PDB file of N, CA and C in Angstrom:
ATOM      1  N   MET A   1     -31.965  62.560  71.107  1.00  0.00           N
ATOM      2  CA  MET A   1     -31.381  61.282  71.473  1.00  0.00           C
ATOM      3  C   MET A   1     -30.702  60.676  70.254  1.00  0.00           C
ATOM      4  N   THR A   2     -29.867  59.724  70.517  1.00  0.00           N
ATOM      5  CA  THR A   2     -29.194  59.070  69.409  1.00  0.00           C
ATOM      6  C   THR A   2     -30.158  58.136  68.711  1.00  0.00           C
ATOM      7  N   GLU A   3     -29.784  57.764  67.494  1.00  0.00           N
ATOM      8  CA  GLU A   3     -30.644  56.872  66.734  1.00  0.00           C
ATOM      9  C   GLU A   3     -30.818  55.541  67.461  1.00  0.00           C
ATOM     10  N   ASN A   4     -29.739  55.035  68.066  1.00  0.00           N
ATOM     11  CA  ASN A   4     -29.827  53.805  68.832  1.00  0.00           C
ATOM     12  C   ASN A   4     -29.726  54.161  70.308  1.00  0.00           C
ATOM     13  N   VAL A   5     -30.832  54.121  71.022  1.00  0.00           N
ATOM     14  CA  VAL A   5     -30.848  54.518  72.426  1.00  0.00           C
ATOM     15  C   VAL A   5     -30.020  53.588  73.306  1.00  0.00           C
ATOM     16  N   TRP A   6     -29.666  52.417  72.809  1.00  0.00           N
ATOM     17  CA  TRP A   6     -28.942  51.436  73.612  1.00  0.00           C
ATOM     18  C   TRP A   6     -27.430  51.516  73.411  1.00  0.00           C
ATOM     19  N   SER A   7     -26.940  52.616  72.859  1.00  0.00           N
ATOM     20  CA  SER A   7     -25.500  52.817  72.674  1.00  0.00           C
ATOM     21  C   SER A   7     -25.079  54.133  73.322  1.00  0.00           C
ATOM     22  N   HIS A   8     -23.857  54.156  73.854  1.00  0.00           N
ATOM     23  CA  HIS A   8     -23.328  55.382  74.452  1.00  0.00           C
ATOM     24  C   HIS A   8     -23.038  56.417  73.379  1.00  0.00           C
ATOM     25  N   LYS A   9     -23.272  57.678  73.721  1.00  0.00           N
ATOM     26  CA  LYS A   9     -22.885  58.776  72.852  1.00  0.00           C
ATOM     27  C   LYS A   9     -21.356  58.851  72.856  1.00  0.00           C
ATOM     28  N   PRO A  10     -20.751  59.178  71.717  1.00  0.00           N
ATOM     29  CA  PRO A  10     -19.287  59.274  71.678  1.00  0.00           C
ATOM     30  C   PRO A  10     -18.736  60.310  72.667  1.00  0.00           C
ATOM     31  N   THR A  11     -19.521  61.316  72.980  1.00  0.00           N
ATOM     32  CA  THR A  11     -19.072  62.395  73.864  1.00  0.00           C
ATOM     33  C   THR A  11     -19.221  62.072  75.352  1.00  0.00           C
ATOM     34  N   ALA A  12     -19.817  60.924  75.698  1.00  0.00           N
ATOM     35  CA  ALA A  12     -20.065  60.587  77.105  1.00  0.00           C
ATOM     36  C   ALA A  12     -18.786  60.253  77.864  1.00  0.00           C
ATOM     37  N   GLY A  13     -17.745  59.872  77.147  1.00  0.00           N
ATOM     38  CA  GLY A  13     -16.495  59.528  77.815  1.00  0.00           C
ATOM     39  C   GLY A  13     -16.542  58.188  78.518  1.00  0.00           C
ATOM     40  N   ARG A  14     -17.331  57.279  78.013  1.00  0.00           N
ATOM     41  CA  ARG A  14     -17.502  55.968  78.648  1.00  0.00           C
ATOM     42  C   ARG A  14     -16.294  55.083  78.394  1.00  0.00           C
ATOM     43  N   LEU A  15     -15.703  54.589  79.484  1.00  0.00           N
ATOM     44  CA  LEU A  15     -14.626  53.618  79.409  1.00  0.00           C
ATOM     45  C   LEU A  15     -15.176  52.297  79.911  1.00  0.00           C
ATOM     46  N   THR A  16     -15.142  51.281  79.090  1.00  0.00           N
ATOM     47  CA  THR A  16     -15.741  50.008  79.474  1.00  0.00           C
ATOM     48  C   THR A  16     -14.987  49.335  80.614  1.00  0.00           C
ATOM     49  N   THR A  17     -13.802  49.841  80.942  1.00  0.00           N
ATOM     50  CA  THR A  17     -13.043  49.257  82.049  1.00  0.00           C
ATOM     51  C   THR A  17     -13.495  49.785  83.402  1.00  0.00           C
ATOM     52  N   THR A  18     -14.351  50.789  83.426  1.00  0.00           N
ATOM     53  CA  THR A  18     -14.803  51.399  84.676  1.00  0.00           C
ATOM     54  C   THR A  18     -16.105  50.760  85.147  1.00  0.00           C
ATOM     55  N   ASN A  19     -16.126  50.331  86.406  1.00  0.00           N
ATOM     56  CA  ASN A  19     -17.342  49.793  87.003  1.00  0.00           C
ATOM     57  C   ASN A  19     -18.143  50.979  87.549  1.00  0.00           C
ATOM     58  N   LEU A  20     -19.312  51.221  86.998  1.00  0.00           N
ATOM     59  CA  LEU A  20     -20.141  52.367  87.391  1.00  0.00           C
ATOM     60  C   LEU A  20     -21.049  52.088  88.584  1.00  0.00           C
ATOM     61  N   THR A  21     -21.091  50.855  89.062  1.00  0.00           N
ATOM     62  CA  THR A  21     -21.952  50.509  90.187  1.00  0.00           C
ATOM     63  C   THR A  21     -21.608  51.392  91.386  1.00  0.00           C
ATOM     64  N   GLY A  22     -22.641  52.026  91.943  1.00  0.00           N
ATOM     65  CA  GLY A  22     -22.471  52.908  93.087  1.00  0.00           C
ATOM     66  C   GLY A  22     -22.285  54.372  92.730  1.00  0.00           C
ATOM     67  N   TYR A  23     -22.056  54.673  91.450  1.00  0.00           N
ATOM     68  CA  TYR A  23     -21.919  56.068  91.022  1.00  0.00           C
ATOM     69  C   TYR A  23     -23.245  56.789  91.227  1.00  0.00           C
ATOM     70  N   LYS A  24     -23.202  58.052  91.652  1.00  0.00           N
ATOM     71  CA  LYS A  24     -24.404  58.872  91.748  1.00  0.00           C
ATOM     72  C   LYS A  24     -24.857  59.230  90.337  1.00  0.00           C
ATOM     73  N   VAL A  25     -26.162  59.355  90.167  1.00  0.00           N
ATOM     74  CA  VAL A  25     -26.724  59.726  88.869  1.00  0.00           C
ATOM     75  C   VAL A  25     -27.350  61.103  89.002  1.00  0.00           C
ATOM     76  N   GLU A  26     -26.894  62.016  88.153  1.00  0.00           N
ATOM     77  CA  GLU A  26     -27.335  63.405  88.181  1.00  0.00           C
ATOM     78  C   GLU A  26     -28.208  63.707  86.964  1.00  0.00           C
ATOM     79  N   ALA A  27     -29.469  64.042  87.218  1.00  0.00           N
ATOM     80  CA  ALA A  27     -30.365  64.511  86.155  1.00  0.00           C
ATOM     81  C   ALA A  27     -30.018  65.970  85.881  1.00  0.00           C
ATOM     82  N   THR A  28     -30.672  66.583  84.927  1.00  0.00           N
ATOM     83  CA  THR A  28     -30.398  67.983  84.610  1.00  0.00           C
ATOM     84  C   THR A  28     -30.770  68.912  85.754  1.00  0.00           C
ATOM     85  N   ASP A  29     -31.619  68.424  86.677  1.00  0.00           N
ATOM     86  CA  ASP A  29     -32.066  69.271  87.786  1.00  0.00           C
ATOM     87  C   ASP A  29     -31.827  68.646  89.166  1.00  0.00           C
ATOM     88  N   GLY A  30     -30.839  67.767  89.271  1.00  0.00           N
ATOM     89  CA  GLY A  30     -30.477  67.230  90.582  1.00  0.00           C
ATOM     90  C   GLY A  30     -30.242  65.731  90.591  1.00  0.00           C
ATOM     91  N   THR A  31     -29.822  65.240  91.738  1.00  0.00           N
ATOM     92  CA  THR A  31     -29.500  63.819  91.922  1.00  0.00           C
ATOM     93  C   THR A  31     -30.768  62.975  91.916  1.00  0.00           C
ATOM     94  N   ILE A  32     -30.715  61.816  91.228  1.00  0.00           N
ATOM     95  CA  ILE A  32     -31.885  60.933  91.194  1.00  0.00           C
ATOM     96  C   ILE A  32     -31.633  59.582  91.846  1.00  0.00           C
ATOM     97  N   GLY A  33     -30.393  59.240  92.117  1.00  0.00           N
ATOM     98  CA  GLY A  33     -30.109  57.951  92.731  1.00  0.00           C
ATOM     99  C   GLY A  33     -28.713  57.478  92.414  1.00  0.00           C
ATOM    100  N   LYS A  34     -28.530  56.145  92.514  1.00  0.00           N
ATOM    101  CA  LYS A  34     -27.220  55.539  92.264  1.00  0.00           C
ATOM    102  C   LYS A  34     -27.348  54.389  91.280  1.00  0.00           C
ATOM    103  N   VAL A  35     -26.270  54.148  90.554  1.00  0.00           N
ATOM    104  CA  VAL A  35     -26.225  53.028  89.621  1.00  0.00           C
ATOM    105  C   VAL A  35     -26.196  51.730  90.414  1.00  0.00           C
ATOM    106  N   ASP A  36     -27.157  50.862  90.142  1.00  0.00           N
ATOM    107  CA  ASP A  36     -27.240  49.563  90.800  1.00  0.00           C
ATOM    108  C   ASP A  36     -26.602  48.479  89.932  1.00  0.00           C
ATOM    109  N   LYS A  37     -26.714  48.655  88.619  1.00  0.00           N
ATOM    110  CA  LYS A  37     -26.199  47.676  87.648  1.00  0.00           C
ATOM    111  C   LYS A  37     -25.993  48.407  86.340  1.00  0.00           C
ATOM    112  N   HIS A  38     -25.074  47.909  85.526  1.00  0.00           N
ATOM    113  CA  HIS A  38     -24.910  48.488  84.201  1.00  0.00           C
ATOM    114  C   HIS A  38     -24.414  47.434  83.230  1.00  0.00           C
ATOM    115  N   SER A  39     -24.641  47.699  81.970  1.00  0.00           N
ATOM    116  CA  SER A  39     -24.185  46.816  80.903  1.00  0.00           C
ATOM    117  C   SER A  39     -23.509  47.656  79.837  1.00  0.00           C
ATOM    118  N   ASP A  40     -22.417  47.139  79.323  1.00  0.00           N
ATOM    119  CA  ASP A  40     -21.712  47.802  78.225  1.00  0.00           C
ATOM    120  C   ASP A  40     -21.798  46.989  76.938  1.00  0.00           C
ATOM    121  N   GLU A  41     -22.729  46.052  76.904  1.00  0.00           N
ATOM    122  CA  GLU A  41     -22.869  45.213  75.714  1.00  0.00           C
ATOM    123  C   GLU A  41     -23.195  46.086  74.505  1.00  0.00           C
ATOM    124  N   VAL A  42     -22.501  45.866  73.422  1.00  0.00           N
ATOM    125  CA  VAL A  42     -22.696  46.656  72.209  1.00  0.00           C
ATOM    126  C   VAL A  42     -24.149  46.537  71.746  1.00  0.00           C
ATOM    127  N   GLY A  43     -24.792  47.693  71.558  1.00  0.00           N
ATOM    128  CA  GLY A  43     -26.180  47.729  71.117  1.00  0.00           C
ATOM    129  C   GLY A  43     -27.190  47.443  72.209  1.00  0.00           C
ATOM    130  N   ASP A  44     -26.726  47.195  73.439  1.00  0.00           N
ATOM    131  CA  ASP A  44     -27.618  46.918  74.560  1.00  0.00           C
ATOM    132  C   ASP A  44     -27.024  47.466  75.855  1.00  0.00           C
ATOM    133  N   ALA A  45     -26.433  48.656  75.788  1.00  0.00           N
ATOM    134  CA  ALA A  45     -25.814  49.270  76.969  1.00  0.00           C
ATOM    135  C   ALA A  45     -26.858  50.069  77.741  1.00  0.00           C
ATOM    136  N   TYR A  46     -26.810  49.952  79.068  1.00  0.00           N
ATOM    137  CA  TYR A  46     -27.788  50.633  79.903  1.00  0.00           C
ATOM    138  C   TYR A  46     -27.275  50.773  81.326  1.00  0.00           C
ATOM    139  N   LEU A  47     -28.012  51.564  82.111  1.00  0.00           N
ATOM    140  CA  LEU A  47     -27.798  51.687  83.549  1.00  0.00           C
ATOM    141  C   LEU A  47     -29.108  51.326  84.235  1.00  0.00           C
ATOM    142  N   VAL A  48     -29.031  50.612  85.338  1.00  0.00           N
ATOM    143  CA  VAL A  48     -30.183  50.425  86.209  1.00  0.00           C
ATOM    144  C   VAL A  48     -29.929  51.329  87.404  1.00  0.00           C
ATOM    145  N   VAL A  49     -30.860  52.261  87.644  1.00  0.00           N
ATOM    146  CA  VAL A  49     -30.692  53.246  88.701  1.00  0.00           C
ATOM    147  C   VAL A  49     -31.701  52.991  89.817  1.00  0.00           C
ATOM    148  N   ASP A  50     -31.171  52.875  91.023  1.00  0.00           N
ATOM    149  CA  ASP A  50     -32.019  52.749  92.206  1.00  0.00           C
ATOM    150  C   ASP A  50     -32.287  54.168  92.692  1.00  0.00           C
ATOM    151  N   THR A  51     -33.540  54.590  92.622  1.00  0.00           N
ATOM    152  CA  THR A  51     -33.896  55.955  92.997  1.00  0.00           C
ATOM    153  C   THR A  51     -34.088  56.111  94.509  1.00  0.00           C
ATOM    154  N   GLY A  52     -33.968  55.019  95.257  1.00  0.00           N
ATOM    155  CA  GLY A  52     -34.077  55.095  96.712  1.00  0.00           C
ATOM    156  C   GLY A  52     -35.410  55.654  97.159  1.00  0.00           C
ATOM    157  N   VAL A  53     -35.384  56.446  98.208  1.00  0.00           N
ATOM    158  CA  VAL A  53     -36.620  56.978  98.770  1.00  0.00           C
ATOM    159  C   VAL A  53     -37.204  58.109  97.947  1.00  0.00           C
ATOM    160  N   TRP A  54     -36.416  58.637  97.000  1.00  0.00           N
ATOM    161  CA  TRP A  54     -36.889  59.757  96.193  1.00  0.00           C
ATOM    162  C   TRP A  54     -38.214  59.431  95.501  1.00  0.00           C
ATOM    163  N   ILE A  55     -38.297  58.286  94.850  1.00  0.00           N
ATOM    164  CA  ILE A  55     -39.595  57.853  94.309  1.00  0.00           C
ATOM    165  C   ILE A  55     -39.905  56.445  94.814  1.00  0.00           C
ATOM    166  N   PHE A  56     -39.786  56.298  96.122  1.00  0.00           N
ATOM    167  CA  PHE A  56     -40.202  55.101  96.843  1.00  0.00           C
ATOM    168  C   PHE A  56     -39.540  53.818  96.364  1.00  0.00           C
ATOM    169  N   GLY A  57     -38.236  53.869  96.167  1.00  0.00           N
ATOM    170  CA  GLY A  57     -37.485  52.668  95.870  1.00  0.00           C
ATOM    171  C   GLY A  57     -37.620  52.151  94.454  1.00  0.00           C
ATOM    172  N   LYS A  58     -38.171  52.920  93.581  1.00  0.00           N
ATOM    173  CA  LYS A  58     -38.342  52.508  92.194  1.00  0.00           C
ATOM    174  C   LYS A  58     -36.985  52.370  91.512  1.00  0.00           C
ATOM    175  N   GLU A  59     -36.842  51.335  90.724  1.00  0.00           N
ATOM    176  CA  GLU A  59     -35.664  51.200  89.872  1.00  0.00           C
ATOM    177  C   GLU A  59     -36.084  51.575  88.462  1.00  0.00           C
ATOM    178  N   VAL A  60     -35.201  52.285  87.772  1.00  0.00           N
ATOM    179  CA  VAL A  60     -35.457  52.619  86.376  1.00  0.00           C
ATOM    180  C   VAL A  60     -34.271  52.175  85.545  1.00  0.00           C
ATOM    181  N   LEU A  61     -34.557  51.814  84.321  1.00  0.00           N
ATOM    182  CA  LEU A  61     -33.515  51.445  83.380  1.00  0.00           C
ATOM    183  C   LEU A  61     -33.316  52.615  82.434  1.00  0.00           C
ATOM    184  N   LEU A  62     -32.088  53.075  82.317  1.00  0.00           N
ATOM    185  CA  LEU A  62     -31.761  54.191  81.439  1.00  0.00           C
ATOM    186  C   LEU A  62     -30.874  53.698  80.311  1.00  0.00           C
ATOM    187  N   PRO A  63     -31.347  53.795  79.082  1.00  0.00           N
ATOM    188  CA  PRO A  63     -30.489  53.425  77.956  1.00  0.00           C
ATOM    189  C   PRO A  63     -29.223  54.283  77.954  1.00  0.00           C
ATOM    190  N   ALA A  64     -28.148  53.735  77.438  1.00  0.00           N
ATOM    191  CA  ALA A  64     -26.848  54.404  77.439  1.00  0.00           C
ATOM    192  C   ALA A  64     -26.879  55.769  76.769  1.00  0.00           C
ATOM    193  N   SER A  65     -27.773  55.974  75.820  1.00  0.00           N
ATOM    194  CA  SER A  65     -27.812  57.252  75.100  1.00  0.00           C
ATOM    195  C   SER A  65     -28.242  58.415  75.983  1.00  0.00           C
ATOM    196  N   THR A  66     -28.798  58.136  77.164  1.00  0.00           N
ATOM    197  CA  THR A  66     -29.200  59.216  78.061  1.00  0.00           C
ATOM    198  C   THR A  66     -28.004  59.789  78.827  1.00  0.00           C
ATOM    199  N   VAL A  67     -26.876  59.092  78.786  1.00  0.00           N
ATOM    200  CA  VAL A  67     -25.679  59.534  79.497  1.00  0.00           C
ATOM    201  C   VAL A  67     -24.979  60.625  78.696  1.00  0.00           C
ATOM    202  N   VAL A  68     -24.790  61.766  79.345  1.00  0.00           N
ATOM    203  CA  VAL A  68     -24.122  62.905  78.729  1.00  0.00           C
ATOM    204  C   VAL A  68     -22.629  62.873  79.035  1.00  0.00           C
ATOM    205  N   ARG A  69     -22.336  62.541  80.306  1.00  0.00           N
ATOM    206  CA  ARG A  69     -20.942  62.605  80.747  1.00  0.00           C
ATOM    207  C   ARG A  69     -20.756  61.715  81.962  1.00  0.00           C
ATOM    208  N   ILE A  70     -19.573  61.130  82.066  1.00  0.00           N
ATOM    209  CA  ILE A  70     -19.211  60.322  83.219  1.00  0.00           C
ATOM    210  C   ILE A  70     -17.988  60.963  83.859  1.00  0.00           C
ATOM    211  N   ASP A  71     -18.110  61.264  85.147  1.00  0.00           N
ATOM    212  CA  ASP A  71     -17.002  61.862  85.886  1.00  0.00           C
ATOM    213  C   ASP A  71     -16.473  60.804  86.849  1.00  0.00           C
ATOM    214  N   GLU A  72     -15.363  60.164  86.457  1.00  0.00           N
ATOM    215  CA  GLU A  72     -14.808  59.094  87.276  1.00  0.00           C
ATOM    216  C   GLU A  72     -14.248  59.610  88.585  1.00  0.00           C
ATOM    217  N   GLU A  73     -13.717  60.814  88.585  1.00  0.00           N
ATOM    218  CA  GLU A  73     -13.136  61.381  89.794  1.00  0.00           C
ATOM    219  C   GLU A  73     -14.210  61.612  90.867  1.00  0.00           C
ATOM    220  N   GLU A  74     -15.356  62.171  90.463  1.00  0.00           N
ATOM    221  CA  GLU A  74     -16.460  62.426  91.393  1.00  0.00           C
ATOM    222  C   GLU A  74     -17.390  61.225  91.537  1.00  0.00           C
ATOM    223  N   GLU A  75     -17.179  60.202  90.712  1.00  0.00           N
ATOM    224  CA  GLU A  75     -18.042  59.016  90.663  1.00  0.00           C
ATOM    225  C   GLU A  75     -19.492  59.408  90.426  1.00  0.00           C
ATOM    226  N   LYS A  76     -19.700  60.171  89.348  1.00  0.00           N
ATOM    227  CA  LYS A  76     -21.038  60.615  88.966  1.00  0.00           C
ATOM    228  C   LYS A  76     -21.272  60.357  87.487  1.00  0.00           C
ATOM    229  N   VAL A  77     -22.528  60.046  87.189  1.00  0.00           N
ATOM    230  CA  VAL A  77     -22.990  59.889  85.809  1.00  0.00           C
ATOM    231  C   VAL A  77     -24.019  60.982  85.581  1.00  0.00           C
ATOM    232  N   TYR A  78     -23.814  61.789  84.557  1.00  0.00           N
ATOM    233  CA  TYR A  78     -24.732  62.873  84.229  1.00  0.00           C
ATOM    234  C   TYR A  78     -25.593  62.440  83.054  1.00  0.00           C
ATOM    235  N   ILE A  79     -26.910  62.620  83.204  1.00  0.00           N
ATOM    236  CA  ILE A  79     -27.843  62.235  82.147  1.00  0.00           C
ATOM    237  C   ILE A  79     -28.602  63.462  81.650  1.00  0.00           C
ATOM    238  N   ASP A  80     -29.173  63.348  80.455  1.00  0.00           N
ATOM    239  CA  ASP A  80     -29.882  64.484  79.846  1.00  0.00           C
ATOM    240  C   ASP A  80     -31.391  64.406  80.031  1.00  0.00           C
ATOM    241  N   LEU A  81     -31.814  63.970  81.214  1.00  0.00           N
ATOM    242  CA  LEU A  81     -33.230  63.877  81.559  1.00  0.00           C
ATOM    243  C   LEU A  81     -33.472  64.651  82.851  1.00  0.00           C
ATOM    244  N   THR A  82     -34.703  65.104  83.029  1.00  0.00           N
ATOM    245  CA  THR A  82     -35.073  65.783  84.271  1.00  0.00           C
ATOM    246  C   THR A  82     -35.565  64.757  85.291  1.00  0.00           C
ATOM    247  N   LYS A  83     -35.668  65.204  86.533  1.00  0.00           N
ATOM    248  CA  LYS A  83     -36.227  64.346  87.574  1.00  0.00           C
ATOM    249  C   LYS A  83     -37.643  63.901  87.213  1.00  0.00           C
ATOM    250  N   GLU A  84     -38.418  64.816  86.651  1.00  0.00           N
ATOM    251  CA  GLU A  84     -39.802  64.497  86.276  1.00  0.00           C
ATOM    252  C   GLU A  84     -39.842  63.403  85.201  1.00  0.00           C
ATOM    253  N   GLN A  85     -38.944  63.480  84.230  1.00  0.00           N
ATOM    254  CA  GLN A  85     -38.895  62.443  83.189  1.00  0.00           C
ATOM    255  C   GLN A  85     -38.549  61.087  83.792  1.00  0.00           C
ATOM    256  N   ILE A  86     -37.663  61.069  84.766  1.00  0.00           N
ATOM    257  CA  ILE A  86     -37.301  59.815  85.432  1.00  0.00           C
ATOM    258  C   ILE A  86     -38.477  59.312  86.265  1.00  0.00           C
ATOM    259  N   LYS A  87     -39.125  60.214  86.976  1.00  0.00           N
ATOM    260  CA  LYS A  87     -40.281  59.841  87.800  1.00  0.00           C
ATOM    261  C   LYS A  87     -41.385  59.230  86.941  1.00  0.00           C
ATOM    262  N   ASP A  88     -41.595  59.765  85.731  1.00  0.00           N
ATOM    263  CA  ASP A  88     -42.641  59.281  84.828  1.00  0.00           C
ATOM    264  C   ASP A  88     -42.218  58.086  83.986  1.00  0.00           C
ATOM    265  N   ALA A  89     -40.955  57.704  84.069  1.00  0.00           N
ATOM    266  CA  ALA A  89     -40.426  56.604  83.246  1.00  0.00           C
ATOM    267  C   ALA A  89     -41.015  55.270  83.682  1.00  0.00           C
ATOM    268  N   PRO A  90     -41.073  54.336  82.761  1.00  0.00           N
ATOM    269  CA  PRO A  90     -41.548  52.988  83.114  1.00  0.00           C
ATOM    270  C   PRO A  90     -40.655  52.390  84.194  1.00  0.00           C
ATOM    271  N   GLU A  91     -41.273  51.758  85.170  1.00  0.00           N
ATOM    272  CA  GLU A  91     -40.491  51.101  86.215  1.00  0.00           C
ATOM    273  C   GLU A  91     -39.767  49.910  85.620  1.00  0.00           C
ATOM    274  N   PHE A  92     -38.558  49.697  86.086  1.00  0.00           N
ATOM    275  CA  PHE A  92     -37.754  48.581  85.596  1.00  0.00           C
ATOM    276  C   PHE A  92     -38.089  47.319  86.368  1.00  0.00           C
ATOM    277  N   HIS A  93     -38.353  46.255  85.658  1.00  0.00           N
ATOM    278  CA  HIS A  93     -38.591  44.948  86.245  1.00  0.00           C
ATOM    279  C   HIS A  93     -37.553  43.997  85.671  1.00  0.00           C
ATOM    280  N   ARG A  94     -36.618  43.558  86.498  1.00  0.00           N
ATOM    281  CA  ARG A  94     -35.511  42.725  86.017  1.00  0.00           C
ATOM    282  C   ARG A  94     -35.987  41.522  85.219  1.00  0.00           C
ATOM    283  N   ASP A  95     -36.945  40.781  85.744  1.00  0.00           N
ATOM    284  CA  ASP A  95     -37.412  39.580  85.061  1.00  0.00           C
ATOM    285  C   ASP A  95     -38.079  39.917  83.740  1.00  0.00           C
ATOM    286  N   LYS A  96     -38.896  40.948  83.737  1.00  0.00           N
ATOM    287  CA  LYS A  96     -39.610  41.317  82.518  1.00  0.00           C
ATOM    288  C   LYS A  96     -38.646  41.855  81.464  1.00  0.00           C
ATOM    289  N   TYR A  97     -37.718  42.723  81.871  1.00  0.00           N
ATOM    290  CA  TYR A  97     -36.782  43.291  80.902  1.00  0.00           C
ATOM    291  C   TYR A  97     -35.942  42.214  80.253  1.00  0.00           C
ATOM    292  N   LEU A  98     -35.416  41.312  81.059  1.00  0.00           N
ATOM    293  CA  LEU A  98     -34.500  40.314  80.525  1.00  0.00           C
ATOM    294  C   LEU A  98     -35.186  39.331  79.589  1.00  0.00           C
ATOM    295  N   GLY A  99     -36.486  39.132  79.769  1.00  0.00           N
ATOM    296  CA  GLY A  99     -37.141  38.120  78.961  1.00  0.00           C
ATOM    297  C   GLY A  99     -38.172  38.615  77.975  1.00  0.00           C
ATOM    298  N   ASP A 100     -38.370  39.912  77.842  1.00  0.00           N
ATOM    299  CA  ASP A 100     -39.462  40.418  77.023  1.00  0.00           C
ATOM    300  C   ASP A 100     -38.978  41.511  76.064  1.00  0.00           C
ATOM    301  N   ALA A 101     -38.865  41.144  74.796  1.00  0.00           N
ATOM    302  CA  ALA A 101     -38.392  42.092  73.781  1.00  0.00           C
ATOM    303  C   ALA A 101     -39.357  43.264  73.622  1.00  0.00           C
ATOM    304  N   GLY A 102     -40.642  43.050  73.835  1.00  0.00           N
ATOM    305  CA  GLY A 102     -41.627  44.113  73.727  1.00  0.00           C
ATOM    306  C   GLY A 102     -41.426  45.184  74.791  1.00  0.00           C
ATOM    307  N   TYR A 103     -41.097  44.761  75.997  1.00  0.00           N
ATOM    308  CA  TYR A 103     -40.820  45.697  77.084  1.00  0.00           C
ATOM    309  C   TYR A 103     -39.601  46.552  76.744  1.00  0.00           C
ATOM    310  N   ARG A 104     -38.566  45.912  76.219  1.00  0.00           N
ATOM    311  CA  ARG A 104     -37.358  46.631  75.810  1.00  0.00           C
ATOM    312  C   ARG A 104     -37.688  47.639  74.718  1.00  0.00           C
ATOM    313  N   GLN A 105     -38.540  47.261  73.800  1.00  0.00           N
ATOM    314  CA  GLN A 105     -38.944  48.167  72.717  1.00  0.00           C
ATOM    315  C   GLN A 105     -39.706  49.365  73.274  1.00  0.00           C
ATOM    316  N   GLU A 106     -40.591  49.123  74.236  1.00  0.00           N
ATOM    317  CA  GLU A 106     -41.339  50.227  74.851  1.00  0.00           C
ATOM    318  C   GLU A 106     -40.407  51.181  75.591  1.00  0.00           C
ATOM    319  N   LEU A 107     -39.414  50.639  76.296  1.00  0.00           N
ATOM    320  CA  LEU A 107     -38.434  51.489  76.969  1.00  0.00           C
ATOM    321  C   LEU A 107     -37.656  52.313  75.946  1.00  0.00           C
ATOM    322  N   GLY A 108     -37.242  51.676  74.868  1.00  0.00           N
ATOM    323  CA  GLY A 108     -36.514  52.384  73.815  1.00  0.00           C
ATOM    324  C   GLY A 108     -37.344  53.491  73.207  1.00  0.00           C
ATOM    325  N   THR A 109     -38.639  53.249  73.043  1.00  0.00           N
ATOM    326  CA  THR A 109     -39.538  54.275  72.501  1.00  0.00           C
ATOM    327  C   THR A 109     -39.659  55.440  73.477  1.00  0.00           C
ATOM    328  N   TYR A 110     -39.838  55.136  74.758  1.00  0.00           N
ATOM    329  CA  TYR A 110     -39.977  56.193  75.764  1.00  0.00           C
ATOM    330  C   TYR A 110     -38.739  57.088  75.774  1.00  0.00           C
ATOM    331  N   TYR A 111     -37.586  56.499  75.837  1.00  0.00           N
ATOM    332  CA  TYR A 111     -36.354  57.279  75.925  1.00  0.00           C
ATOM    333  C   TYR A 111     -35.893  57.832  74.580  1.00  0.00           C
ATOM    334  N   GLY A 112     -36.223  57.150  73.516  1.00  0.00           N
ATOM    335  CA  GLY A 112     -35.752  57.576  72.207  1.00  0.00           C
ATOM    336  C   GLY A 112     -36.549  58.711  71.603  1.00  0.00           C
ATOM    337  N   THR A 113     -37.828  58.801  71.954  1.00  0.00           N
ATOM    338  CA  THR A 113     -38.676  59.824  71.340  1.00  0.00           C
ATOM    339  C   THR A 113     -39.215  60.832  72.341  1.00  0.00           C
ATOM    340  N   GLY A 114     -39.077  60.507  73.617  1.00  0.00           N
ATOM    341  CA  GLY A 114     -39.632  61.380  74.642  1.00  0.00           C
ATOM    342  C   GLY A 114     -41.139  61.227  74.783  1.00  0.00           C
ATOM    343  N   ALA A 115     -41.702  60.268  74.055  1.00  0.00           N
ATOM    344  CA  ALA A 115     -43.148  60.027  74.116  1.00  0.00           C
ATOM    345  C   ALA A 115     -43.477  59.302  75.423  1.00  0.00           C
ATOM    346  N   PRO A 116     -44.708  59.439  75.900  1.00  0.00           N
ATOM    347  CA  PRO A 116     -45.109  58.690  77.089  1.00  0.00           C
ATOM    348  C   PRO A 116     -44.930  57.195  76.879  1.00  0.00           C
ATOM    349  N   PHE A 117     -44.845  56.457  77.964  1.00  0.00           N
ATOM    350  CA  PHE A 117     -44.688  55.009  77.899  1.00  0.00           C
ATOM    351  C   PHE A 117     -45.734  54.423  76.966  1.00  0.00           C
ATOM    352  N   GLY A 118     -45.297  53.585  76.082  1.00  0.00           N
ATOM    353  CA  GLY A 118     -46.199  53.003  75.102  1.00  0.00           C
ATOM    354  C   GLY A 118     -46.094  53.718  73.754  1.00  0.00           C
ATOM    355  N   GLY A 119     -45.353  54.824  73.712  1.00  0.00           N
ATOM    356  CA  GLY A 119     -45.081  55.496  72.450  1.00  0.00           C
ATOM    357  C   GLY A 119     -46.141  56.448  71.961  1.00  0.00           C
ATOM    358  N   ARG A 120     -47.139  56.728  72.777  1.00  0.00           N
ATOM    359  CA  ARG A 120     -48.181  57.653  72.341  1.00  0.00           C
ATOM    360  C   ARG A 120     -47.669  59.083  72.423  1.00  0.00           C
ATOM    361  N   PRO A 121     -47.919  59.909  71.442  1.00  0.00           N
ATOM    362  CA  PRO A 121     -47.453  61.291  71.488  1.00  0.00           C
ATOM    363  C   PRO A 121     -48.048  62.042  72.681  1.00  0.00           C
ATOM    364  N   ALA A 122     -47.271  62.998  73.191  1.00  0.00           N
ATOM    365  CA  ALA A 122     -47.722  63.779  74.350  1.00  0.00           C
ATOM    366  C   ALA A 122     -48.843  64.710  73.974  1.00  0.00           C
TER     367      ALA A 122
END
């Protein structure tokens, strides 16, 4: 992962003029859901993905560094995580994320190091 998990990789092809809402999200081993919300704020870029019925309506927040490639023609976002990693990811809570720096730090640790939620080594 990149040093700053909240920034897009230069190779992702992210254009800030593109609205990603509704784009399908493809993990390394299949589709995981659709983009419900996204932010391109410098140092705080992310996607909120609605996983639908796949994991019972859970929403997950994916830092921008997880994005490998964006295909505007197919309206797909490709990420470098497996379905299992997404399933095990901390659930996104809009109110908690927006108001709690500790929650954001825990998410950054999970995605930045691959460690289980809370940063404990596997």
